[in-house]
Amino acid sequence: MTTTPRKFWIIGGEYDDVSFERLIEGTQSLAGPYPSYERALGEWRRLAESTRCNAHHRYVIAHEPPPRIHAPAALAY
């Protein structure tokens, strides 16, 4: 069985308060894809550091789910 490489993304932006429930429109950020978690982590650190003095910014690392492999349909007899 072979595994498909995962792709990692950095998502986030500026939220309207520190409950981090609603992004302020127009501040959404998406960076990636990155081929490894380590590369994504480096970018996350850069983004987090660049907004360090604004407590309303938040970024997270997300990964794409593996592709779904569909089983062949059952043969009708």
PDB file of N, CA and C in Angstrom:
ATOM      1  N   MET A   1       0.843  -1.184   0.000  1.00  0.00           N
ATOM      2  CA  MET A   1       0.000   0.000   0.000  1.00  0.00           C
ATOM      3  C   MET A   1       0.884   1.241   0.000  1.00  0.00           C
ATOM      4  N   THR A   2       0.604   2.172  -0.889  1.00  0.00           N
ATOM      5  CA  THR A   2       1.377   3.401  -0.930  1.00  0.00           C
ATOM      6  C   THR A   2       0.583   4.513  -0.257  1.00  0.00           C
ATOM      7  N   THR A   3       1.303   5.441   0.303  1.00  0.00           N
ATOM      8  CA  THR A   3       0.641   6.570   0.939  1.00  0.00           C
ATOM      9  C   THR A   3       0.800   7.795   0.057  1.00  0.00           C
ATOM     10  N   THR A   4      -0.227   8.591   0.012  1.00  0.00           N
ATOM     11  CA  THR A   4      -0.186   9.833  -0.733  1.00  0.00           C
ATOM     12  C   THR A   4       0.390  10.908   0.173  1.00  0.00           C
ATOM     13  N   PRO A   5       1.355  11.689  -0.333  1.00  0.00           N
ATOM     14  CA  PRO A   5       1.908  12.739   0.518  1.00  0.00           C
ATOM     15  C   PRO A   5       0.831  13.746   0.905  1.00  0.00           C
ATOM     16  N   ARG A   6       0.868  14.186   2.140  1.00  0.00           N
ATOM     17  CA  ARG A   6      -0.081  15.188   2.608  1.00  0.00           C
ATOM     18  C   ARG A   6       0.389  16.569   2.197  1.00  0.00           C
ATOM     19  N   LYS A   7      -0.561  17.457   2.024  1.00  0.00           N
ATOM     20  CA  LYS A   7      -0.262  18.862   1.774  1.00  0.00           C
ATOM     21  C   LYS A   7      -0.734  19.645   2.989  1.00  0.00           C
ATOM     22  N   PHE A   8       0.063  20.620   3.398  1.00  0.00           N
ATOM     23  CA  PHE A   8      -0.235  21.425   4.587  1.00  0.00           C
ATOM     24  C   PHE A   8      -0.482  22.872   4.181  1.00  0.00           C
ATOM     25  N   TRP A   9      -1.387  23.515   4.867  1.00  0.00           N
ATOM     26  CA  TRP A   9      -1.793  24.893   4.600  1.00  0.00           C
ATOM     27  C   TRP A   9      -1.765  25.690   5.900  1.00  0.00           C
ATOM     28  N   ILE A  10      -1.533  27.000   5.784  1.00  0.00           N
ATOM     29  CA  ILE A  10      -1.640  27.916   6.912  1.00  0.00           C
ATOM     30  C   ILE A  10      -2.890  28.763   6.652  1.00  0.00           C
ATOM     31  N   ILE A  11      -3.807  28.750   7.595  1.00  0.00           N
ATOM     32  CA  ILE A  11      -5.024  29.542   7.446  1.00  0.00           C
ATOM     33  C   ILE A  11      -5.208  30.415   8.675  1.00  0.00           C
ATOM     34  N   GLY A  12      -5.841  31.553   8.481  1.00  0.00           N
ATOM     35  CA  GLY A  12      -6.097  32.432   9.612  1.00  0.00           C
ATOM     36  C   GLY A  12      -6.371  33.843   9.167  1.00  0.00           C
ATOM     37  N   GLY A  13      -6.115  34.775  10.070  1.00  0.00           N
ATOM     38  CA  GLY A  13      -6.344  36.183   9.803  1.00  0.00           C
ATOM     39  C   GLY A  13      -6.632  36.917  11.094  1.00  0.00           C
ATOM     40  N   GLU A  14      -7.284  38.073  10.948  1.00  0.00           N
ATOM     41  CA  GLU A  14      -7.613  38.884  12.118  1.00  0.00           C
ATOM     42  C   GLU A  14      -9.072  38.648  12.498  1.00  0.00           C
ATOM     43  N   TYR A  15      -9.285  38.376  13.770  1.00  0.00           N
ATOM     44  CA  TYR A  15     -10.621  38.102  14.301  1.00  0.00           C
ATOM     45  C   TYR A  15     -11.178  39.345  14.987  1.00  0.00           C
ATOM     46  N   ASP A  16     -12.503  39.401  15.140  1.00  0.00           N
ATOM     47  CA  ASP A  16     -13.101  40.588  15.741  1.00  0.00           C
ATOM     48  C   ASP A  16     -12.889  40.657  17.254  1.00  0.00           C
ATOM     49  N   ASP A  17     -12.584  39.539  17.899  1.00  0.00           N
ATOM     50  CA  ASP A  17     -12.220  39.555  19.316  1.00  0.00           C
ATOM     51  C   ASP A  17     -11.430  38.279  19.633  1.00  0.00           C
ATOM     52  N   VAL A  18     -10.999  38.153  20.878  1.00  0.00           N
ATOM     53  CA  VAL A  18     -10.132  37.032  21.224  1.00  0.00           C
ATOM     54  C   VAL A  18     -10.877  35.724  21.488  1.00  0.00           C
ATOM     55  N   SER A  19     -12.155  35.666  21.179  1.00  0.00           N
ATOM     56  CA  SER A  19     -12.857  34.374  21.200  1.00  0.00           C
ATOM     57  C   SER A  19     -12.541  33.610  19.908  1.00  0.00           C
ATOM     58  N   PHE A  20     -11.999  34.305  18.916  1.00  0.00           N
ATOM     59  CA  PHE A  20     -11.562  33.736  17.637  1.00  0.00           C
ATOM     60  C   PHE A  20     -12.686  32.972  16.933  1.00  0.00           C
ATOM     61  N   GLU A  21     -13.889  33.551  16.951  1.00  0.00           N
ATOM     62  CA  GLU A  21     -15.023  32.903  16.307  1.00  0.00           C
ATOM     63  C   GLU A  21     -15.346  33.496  14.944  1.00  0.00           C
ATOM     64  N   ARG A  22     -15.084  34.809  14.750  1.00  0.00           N
ATOM     65  CA  ARG A  22     -15.417  35.452  13.477  1.00  0.00           C
ATOM     66  C   ARG A  22     -14.229  36.234  12.947  1.00  0.00           C
ATOM     67  N   LEU A  23     -13.836  35.883  11.717  1.00  0.00           N
ATOM     68  CA  LEU A  23     -12.789  36.649  11.044  1.00  0.00           C
ATOM     69  C   LEU A  23     -13.343  37.983  10.576  1.00  0.00           C
ATOM     70  N   ILE A  24     -12.508  39.006  10.615  1.00  0.00           N
ATOM     71  CA  ILE A  24     -12.876  40.287  10.033  1.00  0.00           C
ATOM     72  C   ILE A  24     -12.788  40.132   8.522  1.00  0.00           C
ATOM     73  N   GLU A  25     -13.862  40.493   7.849  1.00  0.00           N
ATOM     74  CA  GLU A  25     -13.906  40.325   6.395  1.00  0.00           C
ATOM     75  C   GLU A  25     -12.740  41.040   5.727  1.00  0.00           C
ATOM     76  N   GLY A  26     -12.118  40.349   4.802  1.00  0.00           N
ATOM     77  CA  GLY A  26     -10.992  40.903   4.070  1.00  0.00           C
ATOM     78  C   GLY A  26      -9.635  40.617   4.691  1.00  0.00           C
ATOM     79  N   THR A  27      -9.598  40.018   5.883  1.00  0.00           N
ATOM     80  CA  THR A  27      -8.314  39.726   6.521  1.00  0.00           C
ATOM     81  C   THR A  27      -7.941  38.249   6.424  1.00  0.00           C
ATOM     82  N   GLN A  28      -8.794  37.443   5.780  1.00  0.00           N
ATOM     83  CA  GLN A  28      -8.519  36.021   5.673  1.00  0.00           C
ATOM     84  C   GLN A  28      -7.188  35.795   4.959  1.00  0.00           C
ATOM     85  N   SER A  29      -6.485  34.785   5.413  1.00  0.00           N
ATOM     86  CA  SER A  29      -5.175  34.472   4.848  1.00  0.00           C
ATOM     87  C   SER A  29      -5.075  32.971   4.616  1.00  0.00           C
ATOM     88  N   LEU A  30      -4.544  32.616   3.464  1.00  0.00           N
ATOM     89  CA  LEU A  30      -4.316  31.220   3.122  1.00  0.00           C
ATOM     90  C   LEU A  30      -2.944  31.131   2.476  1.00  0.00           C
ATOM     91  N   ALA A  31      -2.077  30.299   3.021  1.00  0.00           N
ATOM     92  CA  ALA A  31      -0.736  30.125   2.474  1.00  0.00           C
ATOM     93  C   ALA A  31      -0.482  28.638   2.279  1.00  0.00           C
ATOM     94  N   GLY A  32       0.116  28.290   1.174  1.00  0.00           N
ATOM     95  CA  GLY A  32       0.426  26.896   0.905  1.00  0.00           C
ATOM     96  C   GLY A  32       0.026  26.520  -0.499  1.00  0.00           C
ATOM     97  N   PRO A  33       0.098  25.284  -0.808  1.00  0.00           N
ATOM     98  CA  PRO A  33       0.377  24.154   0.065  1.00  0.00           C
ATOM     99  C   PRO A  33       1.872  23.975   0.315  1.00  0.00           C
ATOM    100  N   TYR A  34       2.181  23.356   1.431  1.00  0.00           N
ATOM    101  CA  TYR A  34       3.550  23.016   1.798  1.00  0.00           C
ATOM    102  C   TYR A  34       3.674  21.498   1.792  1.00  0.00           C
ATOM    103  N   PRO A  35       4.802  20.983   1.330  1.00  0.00           N
ATOM    104  CA  PRO A  35       4.953  19.531   1.191  1.00  0.00           C
ATOM    105  C   PRO A  35       5.187  18.787   2.500  1.00  0.00           C
ATOM    106  N   SER A  36       5.504  19.528   3.574  1.00  0.00           N
ATOM    107  CA  SER A  36       5.765  18.860   4.847  1.00  0.00           C
ATOM    108  C   SER A  36       5.288  19.743   5.988  1.00  0.00           C
ATOM    109  N   TYR A  37       5.038  19.114   7.121  1.00  0.00           N
ATOM    110  CA  TYR A  37       4.635  19.850   8.307  1.00  0.00           C
ATOM    111  C   TYR A  37       5.733  20.820   8.733  1.00  0.00           C
ATOM    112  N   GLU A  38       6.973  20.410   8.610  1.00  0.00           N
ATOM    113  CA  GLU A  38       8.099  21.249   9.023  1.00  0.00           C
ATOM    114  C   GLU A  38       8.146  22.547   8.211  1.00  0.00           C
ATOM    115  N   ARG A  39       7.916  22.463   6.903  1.00  0.00           N
ATOM    116  CA  ARG A  39       7.899  23.673   6.067  1.00  0.00           C
ATOM    117  C   ARG A  39       6.723  24.564   6.452  1.00  0.00           C
ATOM    118  N   ALA A  40       5.564  23.963   6.700  1.00  0.00           N
ATOM    119  CA  ALA A  40       4.390  24.736   7.112  1.00  0.00           C
ATOM    120  C   ALA A  40       4.634  25.393   8.467  1.00  0.00           C
ATOM    121  N   LEU A  41       5.274  24.683   9.370  1.00  0.00           N
ATOM    122  CA  LEU A  41       5.565  25.232  10.687  1.00  0.00           C
ATOM    123  C   LEU A  41       6.467  26.460  10.586  1.00  0.00           C
ATOM    124  N   GLY A  42       7.447  26.418   9.703  1.00  0.00           N
ATOM    125  CA  GLY A  42       8.312  27.575   9.503  1.00  0.00           C
ATOM    126  C   GLY A  42       7.530  28.794   9.033  1.00  0.00           C
ATOM    127  N   GLU A  43       6.608  28.591   8.097  1.00  0.00           N
ATOM    128  CA  GLU A  43       5.777  29.699   7.621  1.00  0.00           C
ATOM    129  C   GLU A  43       4.816  30.174   8.702  1.00  0.00           C
ATOM    130  N   TRP A  44       4.253  29.236   9.460  1.00  0.00           N
ATOM    131  CA  TRP A  44       3.366  29.610  10.564  1.00  0.00           C
ATOM    132  C   TRP A  44       4.114  30.494  11.559  1.00  0.00           C
ATOM    133  N   ARG A  45       5.331  30.122  11.892  1.00  0.00           N
ATOM    134  CA  ARG A  45       6.127  30.926  12.837  1.00  0.00           C
ATOM    135  C   ARG A  45       6.364  32.329  12.298  1.00  0.00           C
ATOM    136  N   ARG A  46       6.660  32.431  10.990  1.00  0.00           N
ATOM    137  CA  ARG A  46       6.896  33.736  10.376  1.00  0.00           C
ATOM    138  C   ARG A  46       5.629  34.594  10.462  1.00  0.00           C
ATOM    139  N   LEU A  47       4.479  34.016  10.092  1.00  0.00           N
ATOM    140  CA  LEU A  47       3.224  34.774  10.143  1.00  0.00           C
ATOM    141  C   LEU A  47       2.853  35.150  11.579  1.00  0.00           C
ATOM    142  N   ALA A  48       2.975  34.216  12.497  1.00  0.00           N
ATOM    143  CA  ALA A  48       2.634  34.482  13.891  1.00  0.00           C
ATOM    144  C   ALA A  48       3.532  35.580  14.463  1.00  0.00           C
ATOM    145  N   GLU A  49       4.806  35.546  14.139  1.00  0.00           N
ATOM    146  CA  GLU A  49       5.736  36.560  14.643  1.00  0.00           C
ATOM    147  C   GLU A  49       5.417  37.932  14.048  1.00  0.00           C
ATOM    148  N   SER A  50       5.001  37.968  12.785  1.00  0.00           N
ATOM    149  CA  SER A  50       4.727  39.256  12.143  1.00  0.00           C
ATOM    150  C   SER A  50       3.486  39.939  12.709  1.00  0.00           C
ATOM    151  N   THR A  51       2.621  39.185  13.381  1.00  0.00           N
ATOM    152  CA  THR A  51       1.404  39.766  13.973  1.00  0.00           C
ATOM    153  C   THR A  51       1.404  39.633  15.500  1.00  0.00           C
ATOM    154  N   ARG A  52       2.551  39.436  16.061  1.00  0.00           N
ATOM    155  CA  ARG A  52       2.678  39.181  17.499  1.00  0.00           C
ATOM    156  C   ARG A  52       2.040  40.265  18.369  1.00  0.00           C
ATOM    157  N   CYS A  53       2.130  41.511  17.958  1.00  0.00           N
ATOM    158  CA  CYS A  53       1.606  42.594  18.794  1.00  0.00           C
ATOM    159  C   CYS A  53       0.099  42.808  18.609  1.00  0.00           C
ATOM    160  N   ASN A  54      -0.556  42.005  17.788  1.00  0.00           N
ATOM    161  CA  ASN A  54      -2.003  42.101  17.620  1.00  0.00           C
ATOM    162  C   ASN A  54      -2.634  40.799  18.125  1.00  0.00           C
ATOM    163  N   ALA A  55      -3.231  40.849  19.294  1.00  0.00           N
ATOM    164  CA  ALA A  55      -3.789  39.645  19.920  1.00  0.00           C
ATOM    165  C   ALA A  55      -4.998  39.091  19.179  1.00  0.00           C
ATOM    166  N   HIS A  56      -5.502  39.805  18.180  1.00  0.00           N
ATOM    167  CA  HIS A  56      -6.673  39.341  17.440  1.00  0.00           C
ATOM    168  C   HIS A  56      -6.316  38.502  16.218  1.00  0.00           C
ATOM    169  N   HIS A  57      -5.045  38.363  15.925  1.00  0.00           N
ATOM    170  CA  HIS A  57      -4.611  37.529  14.802  1.00  0.00           C
ATOM    171  C   HIS A  57      -4.382  36.099  15.286  1.00  0.00           C
ATOM    172  N   ARG A  58      -4.752  35.152  14.441  1.00  0.00           N
ATOM    173  CA  ARG A  58      -4.478  33.749  14.748  1.00  0.00           C
ATOM    174  C   ARG A  58      -4.292  32.992  13.438  1.00  0.00           C
ATOM    175  N   TYR A  59      -3.319  32.089  13.444  1.00  0.00           N
ATOM    176  CA  TYR A  59      -3.051  31.219  12.304  1.00  0.00           C
ATOM    177  C   TYR A  59      -2.950  29.787  12.796  1.00  0.00           C
ATOM    178  N   VAL A  60      -3.385  28.860  11.968  1.00  0.00           N
ATOM    179  CA  VAL A  60      -3.287  27.443  12.293  1.00  0.00           C
ATOM    180  C   VAL A  60      -2.761  26.688  11.080  1.00  0.00           C
ATOM    181  N   ILE A  61      -2.191  25.524  11.353  1.00  0.00           N
ATOM    182  CA  ILE A  61      -1.735  24.633  10.290  1.00  0.00           C
ATOM    183  C   ILE A  61      -2.820  23.585  10.079  1.00  0.00           C
ATOM    184  N   ALA A  62      -3.222  23.429   8.847  1.00  0.00           N
ATOM    185  CA  ALA A  62      -4.226  22.423   8.494  1.00  0.00           C
ATOM    186  C   ALA A  62      -3.641  21.517   7.423  1.00  0.00           C
ATOM    187  N   HIS A  63      -4.132  20.298   7.364  1.00  0.00           N
ATOM    188  CA  HIS A  63      -3.675  19.406   6.313  1.00  0.00           C
ATOM    189  C   HIS A  63      -4.860  18.888   5.519  1.00  0.00           C
ATOM    190  N   GLU A  64      -4.600  18.593   4.256  1.00  0.00           N
ATOM    191  CA  GLU A  64      -5.640  18.037   3.406  1.00  0.00           C
ATOM    192  C   GLU A  64      -5.868  16.592   3.814  1.00  0.00           C
ATOM    193  N   PRO A  65      -7.106  16.174   3.819  1.00  0.00           N
ATOM    194  CA  PRO A  65      -7.348  14.757   4.106  1.00  0.00           C
ATOM    195  C   PRO A  65      -6.853  13.907   2.947  1.00  0.00           C
ATOM    196  N   PRO A  66      -6.510  12.661   3.211  1.00  0.00           N
ATOM    197  CA  PRO A  66      -6.068  11.806   2.110  1.00  0.00           C
ATOM    198  C   PRO A  66      -7.210  11.609   1.120  1.00  0.00           C
ATOM    199  N   PRO A  67      -6.878  11.393  -0.144  1.00  0.00           N
ATOM    200  CA  PRO A  67      -7.943  11.191  -1.125  1.00  0.00           C
ATOM    201  C   PRO A  67      -8.746   9.938  -0.801  1.00  0.00           C
ATOM    202  N   ARG A  68     -10.019   9.989  -1.099  1.00  0.00           N
ATOM    203  CA  ARG A  68     -10.877   8.831  -0.850  1.00  0.00           C
ATOM    204  C   ARG A  68     -10.713   7.855  -1.999  1.00  0.00           C
ATOM    205  N   ILE A  69     -10.543   6.628  -1.648  1.00  0.00           N
ATOM    206  CA  ILE A  69     -10.439   5.573  -2.656  1.00  0.00           C
ATOM    207  C   ILE A  69     -11.744   4.798  -2.602  1.00  0.00           C
ATOM    208  N   HIS A  70     -12.458   4.836  -3.703  1.00  0.00           N
ATOM    209  CA  HIS A  70     -13.751   4.165  -3.762  1.00  0.00           C
ATOM    210  C   HIS A  70     -13.555   2.705  -4.142  1.00  0.00           C
ATOM    211  N   ALA A  71     -14.213   1.852  -3.415  1.00  0.00           N
ATOM    212  CA  ALA A  71     -14.176   0.426  -3.728  1.00  0.00           C
ATOM    213  C   ALA A  71     -14.999   0.200  -4.995  1.00  0.00           C
ATOM    214  N   PRO A  72     -14.611  -0.775  -5.793  1.00  0.00           N
ATOM    215  CA  PRO A  72     -15.399  -1.058  -6.997  1.00  0.00           C
ATOM    216  C   PRO A  72     -16.803  -1.491  -6.616  1.00  0.00           C
ATOM    217  N   ALA A  73     -17.749  -1.145  -7.465  1.00  0.00           N
ATOM    218  CA  ALA A  73     -19.138  -1.507  -7.207  1.00  0.00           C
ATOM    219  C   ALA A  73     -19.284  -3.029  -7.217  1.00  0.00           C
ATOM    220  N   ALA A  74     -20.162  -3.516  -6.383  1.00  0.00           N
ATOM    221  CA  ALA A  74     -20.396  -4.959  -6.323  1.00  0.00           C
ATOM    222  C   ALA A  74     -20.959  -5.425  -7.651  1.00  0.00           C
ATOM    223  N   LEU A  75     -20.508  -6.564  -8.069  1.00  0.00           N
ATOM    224  CA  LEU A  75     -21.007  -7.112  -9.323  1.00  0.00           C
ATOM    225  C   LEU A  75     -22.398  -7.697  -9.124  1.00  0.00           C
ATOM    226  N   ALA A  76     -23.290  -7.374 -10.025  1.00  0.00           N
ATOM    227  CA  ALA A  76     -24.648  -7.917  -9.955  1.00  0.00           C
ATOM    228  C   ALA A  76     -24.681  -9.226 -10.738  1.00  0.00           C
ATOM    229  N   TYR A  77     -25.249 -10.259 -10.162  1.00  0.00           N
ATOM    230  CA  TYR A  77     -25.359 -11.554 -10.843  1.00  0.00           C
ATOM    231  C   TYR A  77     -26.772 -11.828 -11.204  1.00  0.00           C
TER     232      TYR A  77
END
